[in-house]
Amino acid sequence: MRHRKKTVKLSRTHSHRNMLIRNMVTALLKHERIETTEQKAKVIRGWVDKIINLAKKGDLSSKRRIFHFLTEKEVAYKIIKEAPQRYSDRSSGFTRIIKIGTRRGDNASMAIIELVDAKIKGEA
């Protein structure tokens, strides 16, 4: 039975899962929208909320935690600079998950995860 088992394993080892999450959170904050499986999107949603809340807090300890977690310094600088004014009216719920059907190869359920006020190229 899986009572009180919080971690979603994603069929990976602990270290592989952690790097997958870090890379996906970095990619989402960099591109503001990524396409992935529904389960991975649900896993990284909480991590993105934590990183944005740390960026909104803005103290030295929070900045160090952001730099430690994200894999690209430019993305860390971007989120530290933009998050306080961009998300000042929100306390959580910074991402949106849109289900887009199944993947052709293995029938995995796919989703798009994006930041709530994402400015996508080609939109006005």
N, C-alpha and C. Protein backbone atom coordinates (compact mmCIF):
# COMPACT_ATOMS: atom_id res chain seq x y z
N MET A 1 0.83 -1.18 0.00
CA MET A 1 0.00 0.00 0.00
C MET A 1 0.87 1.25 0.00
N ARG A 2 0.40 2.31 -0.63
CA ARG A 2 1.17 3.55 -0.75
C ARG A 2 0.72 4.62 0.24
N HIS A 3 0.29 4.22 1.41
CA HIS A 3 -0.14 5.20 2.39
C HIS A 3 1.04 6.07 2.82
N ARG A 4 0.81 7.37 2.86
CA ARG A 4 1.80 8.35 3.32
C ARG A 4 3.08 8.34 2.50
N LYS A 5 3.00 7.97 1.25
CA LYS A 5 4.14 8.01 0.35
C LYS A 5 3.95 9.23 -0.55
N LYS A 6 4.70 10.27 -0.30
CA LYS A 6 4.48 11.56 -0.94
C LYS A 6 5.18 11.68 -2.30
N THR A 7 6.34 11.10 -2.46
CA THR A 7 7.16 11.29 -3.64
C THR A 7 6.61 10.53 -4.85
N VAL A 8 6.51 11.22 -5.98
CA VAL A 8 6.20 10.58 -7.25
C VAL A 8 7.53 10.19 -7.87
N LYS A 9 7.73 8.90 -8.14
CA LYS A 9 9.05 8.42 -8.52
C LYS A 9 9.40 8.60 -9.99
N LEU A 10 8.41 8.67 -10.87
CA LEU A 10 8.62 8.86 -12.31
C LEU A 10 9.53 7.80 -12.92
N SER A 11 9.59 6.63 -12.33
CA SER A 11 10.39 5.50 -12.83
C SER A 11 11.87 5.85 -12.98
N ARG A 12 12.40 6.59 -12.02
CA ARG A 12 13.79 7.01 -12.06
C ARG A 12 14.41 6.86 -10.67
N THR A 13 15.74 6.85 -10.64
CA THR A 13 16.43 6.84 -9.36
C THR A 13 16.32 8.23 -8.72
N HIS A 14 16.69 8.31 -7.47
CA HIS A 14 16.59 9.57 -6.73
C HIS A 14 17.38 10.69 -7.41
N SER A 15 18.63 10.44 -7.76
CA SER A 15 19.47 11.49 -8.35
C SER A 15 18.99 11.87 -9.75
N HIS A 16 18.57 10.88 -10.53
CA HIS A 16 18.07 11.18 -11.88
C HIS A 16 16.78 11.99 -11.80
N ARG A 17 15.89 11.66 -10.88
CA ARG A 17 14.64 12.38 -10.70
C ARG A 17 14.90 13.82 -10.27
N ASN A 18 15.84 14.02 -9.36
CA ASN A 18 16.15 15.38 -8.90
C ASN A 18 16.70 16.24 -10.03
N MET A 19 17.59 15.69 -10.84
CA MET A 19 18.13 16.48 -11.96
C MET A 19 17.07 16.72 -13.02
N LEU A 20 16.19 15.76 -13.24
CA LEU A 20 15.08 15.96 -14.18
C LEU A 20 14.20 17.12 -13.73
N ILE A 21 13.87 17.16 -12.46
CA ILE A 21 13.03 18.22 -11.93
C ILE A 21 13.73 19.57 -12.03
N ARG A 22 15.00 19.62 -11.65
CA ARG A 22 15.76 20.88 -11.73
C ARG A 22 15.84 21.39 -13.17
N ASN A 23 16.11 20.49 -14.10
CA ASN A 23 16.22 20.90 -15.50
C ASN A 23 14.87 21.36 -16.06
N MET A 24 13.80 20.68 -15.69
CA MET A 24 12.48 21.07 -16.20
C MET A 24 12.01 22.39 -15.60
N VAL A 25 12.28 22.62 -14.33
CA VAL A 25 11.92 23.90 -13.72
C VAL A 25 12.71 25.03 -14.37
N THR A 26 14.00 24.81 -14.61
CA THR A 26 14.83 25.81 -15.28
C THR A 26 14.30 26.10 -16.68
N ALA A 27 13.94 25.05 -17.42
CA ALA A 27 13.42 25.25 -18.77
C ALA A 27 12.09 26.00 -18.76
N LEU A 28 11.24 25.69 -17.80
CA LEU A 28 9.95 26.38 -17.71
C LEU A 28 10.14 27.86 -17.39
N LEU A 29 11.02 28.18 -16.47
CA LEU A 29 11.26 29.58 -16.13
C LEU A 29 11.96 30.32 -17.26
N LYS A 30 12.75 29.61 -18.05
CA LYS A 30 13.45 30.23 -19.17
C LYS A 30 12.52 30.50 -20.35
N HIS A 31 11.74 29.50 -20.74
CA HIS A 31 10.89 29.60 -21.93
C HIS A 31 9.44 29.99 -21.60
N GLU A 32 9.07 29.93 -20.34
CA GLU A 32 7.74 30.27 -19.83
C GLU A 32 6.64 29.33 -20.30
N ARG A 33 6.97 28.30 -21.05
CA ARG A 33 5.99 27.33 -21.52
C ARG A 33 6.73 26.11 -22.05
N ILE A 34 6.39 24.91 -21.55
CA ILE A 34 7.00 23.70 -22.07
C ILE A 34 5.93 22.62 -22.23
N GLU A 35 6.21 21.67 -23.10
CA GLU A 35 5.32 20.54 -23.34
C GLU A 35 5.98 19.30 -22.75
N THR A 36 5.25 18.58 -21.92
CA THR A 36 5.79 17.40 -21.25
C THR A 36 4.64 16.47 -20.91
N THR A 37 4.95 15.37 -20.23
CA THR A 37 3.87 14.48 -19.83
C THR A 37 3.09 15.10 -18.67
N GLU A 38 1.87 14.67 -18.52
CA GLU A 38 1.00 15.25 -17.50
C GLU A 38 1.55 15.02 -16.09
N GLN A 39 2.09 13.85 -15.84
CA GLN A 39 2.61 13.53 -14.51
C GLN A 39 3.82 14.39 -14.16
N LYS A 40 4.74 14.59 -15.12
CA LYS A 40 5.90 15.44 -14.87
C LYS A 40 5.47 16.88 -14.64
N ALA A 41 4.47 17.34 -15.38
CA ALA A 41 3.97 18.70 -15.20
C ALA A 41 3.41 18.89 -13.79
N LYS A 42 2.69 17.90 -13.29
CA LYS A 42 2.13 17.99 -11.95
C LYS A 42 3.23 17.99 -10.89
N VAL A 43 4.32 17.28 -11.14
CA VAL A 43 5.42 17.24 -10.18
C VAL A 43 6.14 18.58 -10.13
N ILE A 44 6.43 19.19 -11.28
CA ILE A 44 7.24 20.42 -11.26
C ILE A 44 6.42 21.65 -10.88
N ARG A 45 5.10 21.54 -10.90
CA ARG A 45 4.26 22.70 -10.55
C ARG A 45 4.59 23.22 -9.15
N GLY A 46 4.74 22.33 -8.20
CA GLY A 46 5.05 22.75 -6.83
C GLY A 46 6.43 23.36 -6.69
N TRP A 47 7.37 22.84 -7.43
CA TRP A 47 8.73 23.37 -7.38
C TRP A 47 8.80 24.77 -7.95
N VAL A 48 8.07 25.02 -9.03
CA VAL A 48 8.06 26.35 -9.64
C VAL A 48 7.46 27.35 -8.65
N ASP A 49 6.40 26.97 -7.97
CA ASP A 49 5.79 27.86 -6.98
C ASP A 49 6.80 28.20 -5.87
N LYS A 50 7.56 27.22 -5.42
CA LYS A 50 8.54 27.47 -4.37
C LYS A 50 9.63 28.44 -4.85
N ILE A 51 10.12 28.24 -6.07
CA ILE A 51 11.18 29.10 -6.60
C ILE A 51 10.67 30.54 -6.76
N ILE A 52 9.47 30.71 -7.29
CA ILE A 52 8.94 32.06 -7.49
C ILE A 52 8.67 32.74 -6.14
N ASN A 53 8.19 32.01 -5.16
CA ASN A 53 7.99 32.60 -3.84
C ASN A 53 9.31 33.01 -3.20
N LEU A 54 10.37 32.22 -3.41
CA LEU A 54 11.68 32.61 -2.92
C LEU A 54 12.16 33.88 -3.61
N ALA A 55 11.92 33.98 -4.92
CA ALA A 55 12.33 35.17 -5.67
C ALA A 55 11.56 36.40 -5.21
N LYS A 56 10.30 36.22 -4.87
CA LYS A 56 9.50 37.34 -4.37
C LYS A 56 10.00 37.81 -3.00
N LYS A 57 10.47 36.87 -2.20
CA LYS A 57 10.97 37.21 -0.87
C LYS A 57 12.20 38.10 -1.00
N GLY A 58 13.15 37.70 -1.83
CA GLY A 58 14.25 38.57 -2.23
C GLY A 58 15.41 38.74 -1.28
N ASP A 59 15.46 38.04 -0.14
CA ASP A 59 16.61 38.19 0.73
C ASP A 59 17.77 37.33 0.24
N LEU A 60 18.91 37.49 0.87
CA LEU A 60 20.12 36.82 0.41
C LEU A 60 20.00 35.30 0.47
N SER A 61 19.41 34.79 1.53
CA SER A 61 19.26 33.35 1.67
C SER A 61 18.38 32.78 0.55
N SER A 62 17.32 33.48 0.21
CA SER A 62 16.44 33.03 -0.87
C SER A 62 17.16 33.04 -2.21
N LYS A 63 17.93 34.07 -2.46
CA LYS A 63 18.68 34.14 -3.72
C LYS A 63 19.68 32.99 -3.82
N ARG A 64 20.35 32.68 -2.72
CA ARG A 64 21.32 31.57 -2.73
C ARG A 64 20.63 30.24 -2.98
N ARG A 65 19.44 30.05 -2.40
CA ARG A 65 18.69 28.81 -2.64
C ARG A 65 18.26 28.70 -4.09
N ILE A 66 17.88 29.82 -4.70
CA ILE A 66 17.49 29.81 -6.12
C ILE A 66 18.69 29.44 -6.98
N PHE A 67 19.84 30.07 -6.73
CA PHE A 67 21.04 29.77 -7.52
C PHE A 67 21.48 28.32 -7.34
N HIS A 68 21.27 27.77 -6.15
CA HIS A 68 21.64 26.38 -5.91
C HIS A 68 20.72 25.42 -6.67
N PHE A 69 19.44 25.77 -6.77
CA PHE A 69 18.48 24.85 -7.38
C PHE A 69 18.49 24.91 -8.91
N LEU A 70 18.47 26.10 -9.49
CA LEU A 70 18.40 26.24 -10.94
C LEU A 70 19.74 25.90 -11.58
N THR A 71 19.70 25.41 -12.82
CA THR A 71 20.93 24.95 -13.47
C THR A 71 21.56 26.01 -14.37
N GLU A 72 20.90 27.16 -14.57
CA GLU A 72 21.45 28.24 -15.39
C GLU A 72 21.39 29.55 -14.62
N LYS A 73 22.54 30.25 -14.55
CA LYS A 73 22.59 31.49 -13.79
C LYS A 73 21.72 32.58 -14.41
N GLU A 74 21.65 32.61 -15.75
CA GLU A 74 20.87 33.66 -16.42
C GLU A 74 19.39 33.55 -16.05
N VAL A 75 18.90 32.34 -15.94
CA VAL A 75 17.50 32.12 -15.57
C VAL A 75 17.28 32.56 -14.12
N ALA A 76 18.24 32.29 -13.26
CA ALA A 76 18.12 32.70 -11.87
C ALA A 76 18.08 34.23 -11.76
N TYR A 77 18.97 34.91 -12.50
CA TYR A 77 18.95 36.37 -12.49
C TYR A 77 17.62 36.89 -13.02
N LYS A 78 17.11 36.27 -14.08
CA LYS A 78 15.85 36.70 -14.69
C LYS A 78 14.70 36.58 -13.69
N ILE A 79 14.59 35.45 -13.01
CA ILE A 79 13.45 35.23 -12.11
C ILE A 79 13.57 36.11 -10.86
N ILE A 80 14.78 36.35 -10.38
CA ILE A 80 14.97 37.22 -9.21
C ILE A 80 14.59 38.66 -9.57
N LYS A 81 14.89 39.07 -10.79
CA LYS A 81 14.59 40.43 -11.21
C LYS A 81 13.10 40.63 -11.51
N GLU A 82 12.46 39.66 -12.19
CA GLU A 82 11.10 39.85 -12.69
C GLU A 82 10.01 39.44 -11.69
N ALA A 83 10.24 38.45 -10.87
CA ALA A 83 9.17 37.88 -10.04
C ALA A 83 8.51 38.87 -9.08
N PRO A 84 9.25 39.72 -8.38
CA PRO A 84 8.57 40.58 -7.40
C PRO A 84 7.51 41.50 -8.02
N GLN A 85 7.79 42.13 -9.16
CA GLN A 85 6.77 42.99 -9.75
C GLN A 85 5.77 42.22 -10.60
N ARG A 86 6.18 41.12 -11.20
CA ARG A 86 5.29 40.36 -12.08
C ARG A 86 4.22 39.60 -11.29
N TYR A 87 4.58 39.08 -10.12
CA TYR A 87 3.66 38.26 -9.34
C TYR A 87 3.35 38.89 -7.98
N SER A 88 3.36 40.20 -7.89
CA SER A 88 3.13 40.85 -6.61
C SER A 88 1.71 40.64 -6.09
N ASP A 89 0.74 40.43 -6.99
CA ASP A 89 -0.65 40.28 -6.58
C ASP A 89 -1.04 38.83 -6.31
N ARG A 90 -0.13 37.87 -6.52
CA ARG A 90 -0.43 36.45 -6.32
C ARG A 90 0.41 35.88 -5.19
N SER A 91 -0.17 34.96 -4.45
CA SER A 91 0.59 34.28 -3.41
C SER A 91 0.97 32.86 -3.83
N SER A 92 0.23 32.31 -4.79
CA SER A 92 0.54 30.98 -5.33
C SER A 92 -0.21 30.82 -6.64
N GLY A 93 -0.10 29.65 -7.24
CA GLY A 93 -0.81 29.41 -8.49
C GLY A 93 -0.17 30.12 -9.66
N PHE A 94 1.15 29.99 -9.81
CA PHE A 94 1.87 30.69 -10.86
C PHE A 94 1.88 29.93 -12.17
N THR A 95 1.42 28.68 -12.17
CA THR A 95 1.46 27.87 -13.38
C THR A 95 0.07 27.41 -13.78
N ARG A 96 -0.04 27.04 -15.04
CA ARG A 96 -1.29 26.51 -15.61
C ARG A 96 -0.93 25.25 -16.37
N ILE A 97 -1.71 24.18 -16.18
CA ILE A 97 -1.49 22.92 -16.91
C ILE A 97 -2.67 22.73 -17.86
N ILE A 98 -2.35 22.56 -19.14
CA ILE A 98 -3.36 22.35 -20.18
C ILE A 98 -3.12 20.97 -20.79
N LYS A 99 -4.11 20.10 -20.68
CA LYS A 99 -3.97 18.76 -21.25
C LYS A 99 -4.16 18.83 -22.76
N ILE A 100 -3.28 18.14 -23.50
CA ILE A 100 -3.33 18.23 -24.96
C ILE A 100 -3.51 16.88 -25.64
N GLY A 101 -3.85 15.86 -24.91
CA GLY A 101 -4.08 14.55 -25.54
C GLY A 101 -2.97 13.58 -25.22
N THR A 102 -2.81 12.58 -26.08
CA THR A 102 -1.82 11.54 -25.84
C THR A 102 -0.71 11.60 -26.89
N ARG A 103 0.46 11.08 -26.49
CA ARG A 103 1.60 11.03 -27.38
C ARG A 103 1.44 9.85 -28.32
N ARG A 104 1.82 10.02 -29.57
CA ARG A 104 1.59 9.02 -30.59
C ARG A 104 2.38 7.73 -30.34
N GLY A 105 3.61 7.85 -29.87
CA GLY A 105 4.47 6.68 -29.74
C GLY A 105 4.06 5.70 -28.65
N ASP A 106 3.78 6.22 -27.46
CA ASP A 106 3.50 5.32 -26.34
C ASP A 106 2.19 5.62 -25.62
N ASN A 107 1.38 6.51 -26.17
CA ASN A 107 0.05 6.83 -25.64
C ASN A 107 0.12 7.48 -24.25
N ALA A 108 1.23 8.16 -23.95
CA ALA A 108 1.35 8.86 -22.68
C ALA A 108 0.52 10.15 -22.74
N SER A 109 -0.15 10.49 -21.66
CA SER A 109 -0.94 11.72 -21.65
C SER A 109 -0.01 12.92 -21.57
N MET A 110 -0.18 13.85 -22.49
CA MET A 110 0.70 15.01 -22.62
C MET A 110 0.00 16.26 -22.11
N ALA A 111 0.81 17.24 -21.71
CA ALA A 111 0.26 18.49 -21.20
C ALA A 111 1.24 19.61 -21.50
N ILE A 112 0.70 20.81 -21.55
CA ILE A 112 1.52 22.02 -21.63
C ILE A 112 1.45 22.67 -20.27
N ILE A 113 2.62 22.99 -19.71
CA ILE A 113 2.66 23.73 -18.46
C ILE A 113 3.27 25.08 -18.78
N GLU A 114 2.62 26.14 -18.30
CA GLU A 114 3.09 27.48 -18.61
C GLU A 114 2.89 28.38 -17.40
N LEU A 115 3.65 29.46 -17.38
CA LEU A 115 3.45 30.47 -16.36
C LEU A 115 2.16 31.21 -16.66
N VAL A 116 1.45 31.63 -15.64
CA VAL A 116 0.10 32.15 -15.81
C VAL A 116 0.06 33.37 -16.71
N ASP A 117 0.96 34.29 -16.57
CA ASP A 117 0.95 35.49 -17.41
C ASP A 117 2.07 35.45 -18.44
N ALA A 118 2.29 34.28 -19.02
CA ALA A 118 3.37 34.10 -19.99
C ALA A 118 3.10 34.90 -21.25
N LYS A 119 4.15 35.53 -21.76
CA LYS A 119 4.06 36.27 -23.01
C LYS A 119 4.71 35.41 -24.09
N ILE A 120 3.89 34.71 -24.85
CA ILE A 120 4.37 33.76 -25.84
C ILE A 120 4.65 34.50 -27.15
N LYS A 121 5.72 34.10 -27.83
CA LYS A 121 6.07 34.73 -29.11
C LYS A 121 4.94 34.52 -30.11
N GLY A 122 4.62 35.57 -30.84
CA GLY A 122 3.57 35.50 -31.84
C GLY A 122 2.22 35.96 -31.34
N GLU A 123 2.09 36.17 -30.02
CA GLU A 123 0.83 36.68 -29.46
C GLU A 123 0.97 38.17 -29.20
N ALA A 124 -0.13 38.87 -29.24
CA ALA A 124 -0.10 40.32 -29.04
C ALA A 124 -0.04 40.71 -27.59
